[in-house]
């Protein structure tokens, strides 16, 4: 399992880079990196960010 950045803005940047460059969806990213999708979404929501599946990025 990968160590994710703890700072919400750094995590946003990290996730969007991974989604843009390597993964076609959040499901694929979570499966490959062994990340709990619900926990990740909840963590991002606490930072004010939500996932847009059509654009495949958090914003």
PDB file of N, CA and C in Angstrom:
ATOM      1  N   UNK A   1       0.839  -1.178   0.000  1.00  0.00           N
ATOM      2  CA  UNK A   1       0.000   0.000   0.000  1.00  0.00           C
ATOM      3  C   UNK A   1       0.888   1.247   0.000  1.00  0.00           C
ATOM      4  N   UNK A   2       0.438   2.266  -0.680  1.00  0.00           N
ATOM      5  CA  UNK A   2       1.204   3.507  -0.834  1.00  0.00           C
ATOM      6  C   UNK A   2       0.880   4.472   0.315  1.00  0.00           C
ATOM      7  N   UNK A   3       1.867   5.267   0.694  1.00  0.00           N
ATOM      8  CA  UNK A   3       1.683   6.305   1.709  1.00  0.00           C
ATOM      9  C   UNK A   3       1.147   7.555   1.020  1.00  0.00           C
ATOM     10  N   UNK A   4      -0.058   7.966   1.376  1.00  0.00           N
ATOM     11  CA  UNK A   4      -0.682   9.134   0.759  1.00  0.00           C
ATOM     12  C   UNK A   4      -0.290  10.413   1.489  1.00  0.00           C
ATOM     13  N   UNK A   5      -0.176  11.520   0.765  1.00  0.00           N
ATOM     14  CA  UNK A   5       0.076  12.802   1.430  1.00  0.00           C
ATOM     15  C   UNK A   5      -1.030  13.111   2.435  1.00  0.00           C
ATOM     16  N   UNK A   6      -0.677  13.687   3.561  1.00  0.00           N
ATOM     17  CA  UNK A   6      -1.658  14.013   4.596  1.00  0.00           C
ATOM     18  C   UNK A   6      -2.303  15.385   4.387  1.00  0.00           C
ATOM     19  N   UNK A   7      -1.580  16.302   3.795  1.00  0.00           N
ATOM     20  CA  UNK A   7      -2.114  17.632   3.514  1.00  0.00           C
ATOM     21  C   UNK A   7      -3.161  17.520   2.408  1.00  0.00           C
ATOM     22  N   UNK A   8      -4.382  18.049   2.625  1.00  0.00           N
ATOM     23  CA  UNK A   8      -5.451  17.912   1.626  1.00  0.00           C
ATOM     24  C   UNK A   8      -5.091  18.464   0.250  1.00  0.00           C
ATOM     25  N   UNK A   9      -4.370  19.582   0.192  1.00  0.00           N
ATOM     26  CA  UNK A   9      -4.007  20.161  -1.102  1.00  0.00           C
ATOM     27  C   UNK A   9      -2.959  19.317  -1.821  1.00  0.00           C
ATOM     28  N   UNK A  10      -2.018  18.767  -1.077  1.00  0.00           N
ATOM     29  CA  UNK A  10      -1.019  17.879  -1.672  1.00  0.00           C
ATOM     30  C   UNK A  10      -1.681  16.584  -2.143  1.00  0.00           C
ATOM     31  N   UNK A  11      -2.628  16.088  -1.355  1.00  0.00           N
ATOM     32  CA  UNK A  11      -3.354  14.876  -1.731  1.00  0.00           C
ATOM     33  C   UNK A  11      -4.161  15.114  -2.996  1.00  0.00           C
ATOM     34  N   UNK A  12      -4.800  16.279  -3.095  1.00  0.00           N
ATOM     35  CA  UNK A  12      -5.550  16.639  -4.296  1.00  0.00           C
ATOM     36  C   UNK A  12      -4.637  16.604  -5.521  1.00  0.00           C
ATOM     37  N   UNK A  13      -3.487  17.225  -5.418  1.00  0.00           N
ATOM     38  CA  UNK A  13      -2.539  17.259  -6.521  1.00  0.00           C
ATOM     39  C   UNK A  13      -2.052  15.855  -6.883  1.00  0.00           C
ATOM     40  N   UNK A  14      -1.719  15.070  -5.881  1.00  0.00           N
ATOM     41  CA  UNK A  14      -1.251  13.697  -6.089  1.00  0.00           C
ATOM     42  C   UNK A  14      -2.305  12.854  -6.803  1.00  0.00           C
ATOM     43  N   UNK A  15      -3.531  12.892  -6.291  1.00  0.00           N
ATOM     44  CA  UNK A  15      -4.601  12.066  -6.869  1.00  0.00           C
ATOM     45  C   UNK A  15      -4.922  12.487  -8.298  1.00  0.00           C
ATOM     46  N   UNK A  16      -5.020  13.780  -8.542  1.00  0.00           N
ATOM     47  CA  UNK A  16      -5.359  14.235  -9.892  1.00  0.00           C
ATOM     48  C   UNK A  16      -4.256  13.916 -10.893  1.00  0.00           C
ATOM     49  N   UNK A  17      -3.003  13.970 -10.461  1.00  0.00           N
ATOM     50  CA  UNK A  17      -1.904  13.584 -11.344  1.00  0.00           C
ATOM     51  C   UNK A  17      -1.995  12.099 -11.678  1.00  0.00           C
ATOM     52  N   UNK A  18      -2.230  11.263 -10.667  1.00  0.00           N
ATOM     53  CA  UNK A  18      -2.351   9.820 -10.890  1.00  0.00           C
ATOM     54  C   UNK A  18      -3.541   9.516 -11.799  1.00  0.00           C
ATOM     55  N   UNK A  19      -4.680  10.168 -11.544  1.00  0.00           N
ATOM     56  CA  UNK A  19      -5.875   9.936 -12.363  1.00  0.00           C
ATOM     57  C   UNK A  19      -5.653  10.403 -13.799  1.00  0.00           C
ATOM     58  N   UNK A  20      -4.991  11.509 -13.974  1.00  0.00           N
ATOM     59  CA  UNK A  20      -4.733  12.040 -15.312  1.00  0.00           C
ATOM     60  C   UNK A  20      -3.760  11.162 -16.094  1.00  0.00           C
ATOM     61  N   UNK A  21      -2.687  10.736 -15.430  1.00  0.00           N
ATOM     62  CA  UNK A  21      -1.593  10.078 -16.140  1.00  0.00           C
ATOM     63  C   UNK A  21      -1.644   8.553 -16.164  1.00  0.00           C
ATOM     64  N   UNK A  22      -2.334   7.942 -15.196  1.00  0.00           N
ATOM     65  CA  UNK A  22      -2.211   6.491 -15.068  1.00  0.00           C
ATOM     66  C   UNK A  22      -3.516   5.703 -14.948  1.00  0.00           C
ATOM     67  N   UNK A  23      -4.599   6.325 -14.501  1.00  0.00           N
ATOM     68  CA  UNK A  23      -5.808   5.564 -14.194  1.00  0.00           C
ATOM     69  C   UNK A  23      -7.041   6.134 -14.901  1.00  0.00           C
ATOM     70  N   UNK A  24      -7.849   5.260 -15.492  1.00  0.00           N
ATOM     71  CA  UNK A  24      -9.051   5.721 -16.190  1.00  0.00           C
ATOM     72  C   UNK A  24     -10.217   6.047 -15.250  1.00  0.00           C
ATOM     73  N   UNK A  25     -10.078   5.674 -13.961  1.00  0.00           N
ATOM     74  CA  UNK A  25     -11.163   5.917 -13.013  1.00  0.00           C
ATOM     75  C   UNK A  25     -10.624   5.875 -11.585  1.00  0.00           C
ATOM     76  N   UNK A  26     -11.417   6.383 -10.661  1.00  0.00           N
ATOM     77  CA  UNK A  26     -11.069   6.320  -9.247  1.00  0.00           C
ATOM     78  C   UNK A  26     -11.066   4.870  -8.765  1.00  0.00           C
ATOM     79  N   UNK A  27     -11.981   4.067  -9.291  1.00  0.00           N
ATOM     80  CA  UNK A  27     -12.015   2.643  -8.929  1.00  0.00           C
ATOM     81  C   UNK A  27     -10.700   1.960  -9.283  1.00  0.00           C
ATOM     82  N   UNK A  28     -10.179   2.225 -10.474  1.00  0.00           N
ATOM     83  CA  UNK A  28      -8.923   1.612 -10.912  1.00  0.00           C
ATOM     84  C   UNK A  28      -7.763   2.061 -10.030  1.00  0.00           C
ATOM     85  N   UNK A  29      -7.714   3.345  -9.688  1.00  0.00           N
ATOM     86  CA  UNK A  29      -6.661   3.858  -8.820  1.00  0.00           C
ATOM     87  C   UNK A  29      -6.718   3.181  -7.458  1.00  0.00           C
ATOM     88  N   UNK A  30      -7.892   3.137  -6.852  1.00  0.00           N
ATOM     89  CA  UNK A  30      -8.043   2.554  -5.522  1.00  0.00           C
ATOM     90  C   UNK A  30      -7.694   1.070  -5.514  1.00  0.00           C
ATOM     91  N   UNK A  31      -8.118   0.365  -6.530  1.00  0.00           N
ATOM     92  CA  UNK A  31      -7.805  -1.058  -6.601  1.00  0.00           C
ATOM     93  C   UNK A  31      -6.303  -1.289  -6.738  1.00  0.00           C
ATOM     94  N   UNK A  32      -5.671  -0.563  -7.622  1.00  0.00           N
ATOM     95  CA  UNK A  32      -4.246  -0.756  -7.875  1.00  0.00           C
ATOM     96  C   UNK A  32      -3.382  -0.350  -6.681  1.00  0.00           C
ATOM     97  N   UNK A  33      -3.737   0.756  -6.030  1.00  0.00           N
ATOM     98  CA  UNK A  33      -2.951   1.257  -4.904  1.00  0.00           C
ATOM     99  C   UNK A  33      -3.427   0.702  -3.563  1.00  0.00           C
ATOM    100  N   UNK A  34      -4.435  -0.152  -3.589  1.00  0.00           N
ATOM    101  CA  UNK A  34      -4.999  -0.774  -2.388  1.00  0.00           C
ATOM    102  C   UNK A  34      -5.455   0.279  -1.380  1.00  0.00           C
ATOM    103  N   UNK A  35      -6.271   1.193  -1.881  1.00  0.00           N
ATOM    104  CA  UNK A  35      -6.825   2.275  -1.073  1.00  0.00           C
ATOM    105  C   UNK A  35      -8.322   2.038  -0.931  1.00  0.00           C
ATOM    106  N   UNK A  36      -8.850   2.235   0.274  1.00  0.00           N
ATOM    107  CA  UNK A  36     -10.288   2.125   0.498  1.00  0.00           C
ATOM    108  C   UNK A  36     -10.964   3.345  -0.133  1.00  0.00           C
ATOM    109  N   UNK A  37     -11.777   3.111  -1.143  1.00  0.00           N
ATOM    110  CA  UNK A  37     -12.390   4.206  -1.910  1.00  0.00           C
ATOM    111  C   UNK A  37     -13.270   5.091  -1.033  1.00  0.00           C
ATOM    112  N   UNK A  38     -14.092   4.493  -0.191  1.00  0.00           N
ATOM    113  CA  UNK A  38     -14.987   5.278   0.661  1.00  0.00           C
ATOM    114  C   UNK A  38     -14.191   6.165   1.614  1.00  0.00           C
ATOM    115  N   UNK A  39     -13.143   5.622   2.227  1.00  0.00           N
ATOM    116  CA  UNK A  39     -12.316   6.414   3.135  1.00  0.00           C
ATOM    117  C   UNK A  39     -11.643   7.569   2.400  1.00  0.00           C
ATOM    118  N   UNK A  40     -11.179   7.306   1.192  1.00  0.00           N
ATOM    119  CA  UNK A  40     -10.532   8.351   0.394  1.00  0.00           C
ATOM    120  C   UNK A  40     -11.526   9.454   0.037  1.00  0.00           C
ATOM    121  N   UNK A  41     -12.690   9.076  -0.419  1.00  0.00           N
ATOM    122  CA  UNK A  41     -13.721  10.071  -0.767  1.00  0.00           C
ATOM    123  C   UNK A  41     -14.098  10.893   0.456  1.00  0.00           C
ATOM    124  N   UNK A  42     -14.279  10.217   1.608  1.00  0.00           N
ATOM    125  CA  UNK A  42     -14.614  10.930   2.843  1.00  0.00           C
ATOM    126  C   UNK A  42     -13.512  11.901   3.242  1.00  0.00           C
ATOM    127  N   UNK A  43     -12.259  11.477   3.118  1.00  0.00           N
ATOM    128  CA  UNK A  43     -11.129  12.346   3.460  1.00  0.00           C
ATOM    129  C   UNK A  43     -11.099  13.562   2.549  1.00  0.00           C
ATOM    130  N   UNK A  44     -11.334  13.350   1.260  1.00  0.00           N
ATOM    131  CA  UNK A  44     -11.329  14.466   0.320  1.00  0.00           C
ATOM    132  C   UNK A  44     -12.499  15.416   0.587  1.00  0.00           C
ATOM    133  N   UNK A  45     -13.643  14.881   0.957  1.00  0.00           N
ATOM    134  CA  UNK A  45     -14.794  15.731   1.274  1.00  0.00           C
ATOM    135  C   UNK A  45     -14.517  16.633   2.464  1.00  0.00           C
ATOM    136  N   UNK A  46     -13.773  16.128   3.453  1.00  0.00           N
ATOM    137  CA  UNK A  46     -13.449  16.967   4.614  1.00  0.00           C
ATOM    138  C   UNK A  46     -12.544  18.126   4.211  1.00  0.00           C
ATOM    139  N   UNK A  47     -11.799  17.962   3.136  1.00  0.00           N
ATOM    140  CA  UNK A  47     -10.969  19.049   2.615  1.00  0.00           C
ATOM    141  C   UNK A  47     -11.712  19.941   1.640  1.00  0.00           C
ATOM    142  N   UNK A  48     -12.983  19.608   1.361  1.00  0.00           N
ATOM    143  CA  UNK A  48     -13.796  20.420   0.463  1.00  0.00           C
ATOM    144  C   UNK A  48     -13.729  19.992  -0.994  1.00  0.00           C
ATOM    145  N   UNK A  49     -13.215  18.792  -1.251  1.00  0.00           N
ATOM    146  CA  UNK A  49     -13.059  18.319  -2.624  1.00  0.00           C
ATOM    147  C   UNK A  49     -13.976  17.132  -2.893  1.00  0.00           C
ATOM    148  N   UNK A  50     -14.500  17.066  -4.107  1.00  0.00           N
ATOM    149  CA  UNK A  50     -15.314  15.914  -4.498  1.00  0.00           C
ATOM    150  C   UNK A  50     -14.833  15.380  -5.838  1.00  0.00           C
ATOM    151  N   UNK A  51     -15.148  14.116  -6.086  1.00  0.00           N
ATOM    152  CA  UNK A  51     -14.707  13.453  -7.309  1.00  0.00           C
ATOM    153  C   UNK A  51     -15.734  13.644  -8.411  1.00  0.00           C
ATOM    154  N   UNK A  52     -15.265  13.996  -9.600  1.00  0.00           N
ATOM    155  CA  UNK A  52     -16.116  14.109 -10.780  1.00  0.00           C
ATOM    156  C   UNK A  52     -15.728  12.967 -11.724  1.00  0.00           C
ATOM    157  N   UNK A  53     -16.609  11.973 -11.853  1.00  0.00           N
ATOM    158  CA  UNK A  53     -16.285  10.800 -12.656  1.00  0.00           C
ATOM    159  C   UNK A  53     -16.219  11.118 -14.158  1.00  0.00           C
ATOM    160  N   UNK A  54     -16.985  12.095 -14.623  1.00  0.00           N
ATOM    161  CA  UNK A  54     -16.948  12.453 -16.023  1.00  0.00           C
ATOM    162  C   UNK A  54     -15.601  13.043 -16.426  1.00  0.00           C
ATOM    163  N   UNK A  55     -15.017  13.833 -15.532  1.00  0.00           N
ATOM    164  CA  UNK A  55     -13.715  14.433 -15.801  1.00  0.00           C
ATOM    165  C   UNK A  55     -12.571  13.638 -15.187  1.00  0.00           C
ATOM    166  N   UNK A  56     -12.914  12.613 -14.412  1.00  0.00           N
ATOM    167  CA  UNK A  56     -11.940  11.751 -13.739  1.00  0.00           C
ATOM    168  C   UNK A  56     -10.929  12.570 -12.935  1.00  0.00           C
ATOM    169  N   UNK A  57     -11.479  13.450 -12.074  1.00  0.00           N
ATOM    170  CA  UNK A  57     -10.614  14.234 -11.200  1.00  0.00           C
ATOM    171  C   UNK A  57     -11.400  14.733 -10.000  1.00  0.00           C
ATOM    172  N   UNK A  58     -10.633  15.098  -8.974  1.00  0.00           N
ATOM    173  CA  UNK A  58     -11.225  15.758  -7.806  1.00  0.00           C
ATOM    174  C   UNK A  58     -11.172  17.254  -8.063  1.00  0.00           C
ATOM    175  N   UNK A  59     -12.158  17.969  -7.528  1.00  0.00           N
ATOM    176  CA  UNK A  59     -12.185  19.425  -7.651  1.00  0.00           C
ATOM    177  C   UNK A  59     -12.958  20.030  -6.509  1.00  0.00           C
TER     178      UNK A  59
END
